[in-house]
Amino acid sequence: GHTDAAGNSSDNQILSWRRAATVAAYLKKTSRSSFIIYGWGSAKPMASNSTPRGRQRNRRVEILLYRTER
């Protein structure tokens, strides 16, 4: 989970974790997969935080898929 740089850092950390947890909970309903959730806050922007469009792009959840052998 990620946020833009608006607001304070600790609030963004919590918000980003909650954002990721919400997506993981939804996906868990439809699969038997397990998830590791990270809240990155505003630490890893993908766009500039100086424009509304850039801040919008930074508010996101990224999903990395790994295949494990059973």
C-alpha atoms as a PDB file:
ATOM      1  CA  GLY A   1       0.000   0.000   0.000  1.00  0.00           C
ATOM      2  CA  HIS A   2       1.183   3.501  -0.823  1.00  0.00           C
ATOM      3  CA  THR A   3       0.030   7.069  -0.201  1.00  0.00           C
ATOM      4  CA  ASP A   4       0.881  10.490  -1.532  1.00  0.00           C
ATOM      5  CA  ALA A   5       2.995  12.884   0.550  1.00  0.00           C
ATOM      6  CA  ALA A   6       0.045  14.946   1.815  1.00  0.00           C
ATOM      7  CA  GLY A   7      -0.629  14.643   5.536  1.00  0.00           C
ATOM      8  CA  ASN A   8       1.678  13.464   8.262  1.00  0.00           C
ATOM      9  CA  SER A   9       3.991  10.499   7.884  1.00  0.00           C
ATOM     10  CA  SER A  10       2.571   8.302  10.661  1.00  0.00           C
ATOM     11  CA  ASP A  11      -1.009   8.748   9.400  1.00  0.00           C
ATOM     12  CA  ASN A  12       0.142   7.894   5.870  1.00  0.00           C
ATOM     13  CA  GLN A  13       1.848   4.758   7.170  1.00  0.00           C
ATOM     14  CA  ILE A  14      -1.397   3.560   8.766  1.00  0.00           C
ATOM     15  CA  LEU A  15      -3.470   4.515   5.730  1.00  0.00           C
ATOM     16  CA  SER A  16      -1.176   2.664   3.345  1.00  0.00           C
ATOM     17  CA  TRP A  17      -1.268  -0.494   5.485  1.00  0.00           C
ATOM     18  CA  ARG A  18      -5.078  -0.349   5.686  1.00  0.00           C
ATOM     19  CA  ARG A  19      -5.284   0.148   1.928  1.00  0.00           C
ATOM     20  CA  ALA A  20      -3.179  -2.981   1.358  1.00  0.00           C
ATOM     21  CA  ALA A  21      -5.104  -4.970   3.985  1.00  0.00           C
ATOM     22  CA  THR A  22      -8.421  -4.138   2.312  1.00  0.00           C
ATOM     23  CA  VAL A  23      -7.208  -5.433  -1.043  1.00  0.00           C
ATOM     24  CA  ALA A  24      -5.736  -8.564   0.575  1.00  0.00           C
ATOM     25  CA  ALA A  25      -9.019  -9.281   2.398  1.00  0.00           C
ATOM     26  CA  TYR A  26     -10.942  -9.013  -0.865  1.00  0.00           C
ATOM     27  CA  LEU A  27      -8.541 -11.313  -2.692  1.00  0.00           C
ATOM     28  CA  LYS A  28      -8.540 -13.831   0.152  1.00  0.00           C
ATOM     29  CA  LYS A  29     -12.317 -14.273  -0.287  1.00  0.00           C
ATOM     30  CA  THR A  30     -11.775 -15.570  -3.810  1.00  0.00           C
ATOM     31  CA  SER A  31      -8.599 -17.609  -3.427  1.00  0.00           C
ATOM     32  CA  ARG A  32      -6.723 -19.900  -1.093  1.00  0.00           C
ATOM     33  CA  SER A  33      -3.627 -17.732  -1.268  1.00  0.00           C
ATOM     34  CA  SER A  34      -1.795 -16.149   1.612  1.00  0.00           C
ATOM     35  CA  PHE A  35      -0.547 -12.583   1.649  1.00  0.00           C
ATOM     36  CA  ILE A  36       2.161 -10.492   3.213  1.00  0.00           C
ATOM     37  CA  ILE A  37       1.063  -6.888   3.610  1.00  0.00           C
ATOM     38  CA  TYR A  38       3.359  -3.865   3.618  1.00  0.00           C
ATOM     39  CA  GLY A  39       2.415  -0.259   4.208  1.00  0.00           C
ATOM     40  CA  TRP A  40       5.017   1.955   2.577  1.00  0.00           C
ATOM     41  CA  GLY A  41       3.312   5.277   3.295  1.00  0.00           C
ATOM     42  CA  SER A  42       4.758   7.941   1.006  1.00  0.00           C
ATOM     43  CA  ALA A  43       8.269   6.419   0.944  1.00  0.00           C
ATOM     44  CA  LYS A  44       8.125   5.026  -2.615  1.00  0.00           C
ATOM     45  CA  PRO A  45       6.355   7.496  -4.922  1.00  0.00           C
ATOM     46  CA  MET A  46       5.900   6.578  -8.572  1.00  0.00           C
ATOM     47  CA  ALA A  47       5.120  10.161  -9.599  1.00  0.00           C
ATOM     48  CA  SER A  48       5.739  13.692  -8.395  1.00  0.00           C
ATOM     49  CA  ASN A  49       3.771  14.795  -5.343  1.00  0.00           C
ATOM     50  CA  SER A  50       3.789  18.386  -6.621  1.00  0.00           C
ATOM     51  CA  THR A  51       0.766  17.940  -8.934  1.00  0.00           C
ATOM     52  CA  PRO A  52      -2.750  16.591  -8.301  1.00  0.00           C
ATOM     53  CA  ARG A  53      -2.244  13.923 -10.988  1.00  0.00           C
ATOM     54  CA  GLY A  54       1.044  12.817  -9.437  1.00  0.00           C
ATOM     55  CA  ARG A  55      -0.476  12.574  -5.949  1.00  0.00           C
ATOM     56  CA  GLN A  56      -3.357  10.538  -7.383  1.00  0.00           C
ATOM     57  CA  ARG A  57      -0.922   8.077  -8.997  1.00  0.00           C
ATOM     58  CA  ASN A  58       0.936   7.676  -5.696  1.00  0.00           C
ATOM     59  CA  ARG A  59      -2.208   6.522  -3.852  1.00  0.00           C
ATOM     60  CA  ARG A  60      -2.130   2.877  -4.871  1.00  0.00           C
ATOM     61  CA  VAL A  61      -1.737  -0.776  -3.975  1.00  0.00           C
ATOM     62  CA  GLU A  62       0.815  -2.907  -5.783  1.00  0.00           C
ATOM     63  CA  ILE A  63       0.554  -6.670  -5.886  1.00  0.00           C
ATOM     64  CA  LEU A  64       3.590  -8.898  -6.376  1.00  0.00           C
ATOM     65  CA  LEU A  65       2.850 -12.524  -7.119  1.00  0.00           C
ATOM     66  CA  TYR A  66       5.229 -15.306  -6.166  1.00  0.00           C
ATOM     67  CA  ARG A  67       4.699 -18.939  -6.908  1.00  0.00           C
ATOM     68  CA  THR A  68       5.662 -21.315  -4.143  1.00  0.00           C
ATOM     69  CA  GLU A  69       6.057 -25.045  -4.436  1.00  0.00           C
ATOM     70  CA  ARG A  70       3.844 -27.121  -2.186  1.00  0.00           C
END
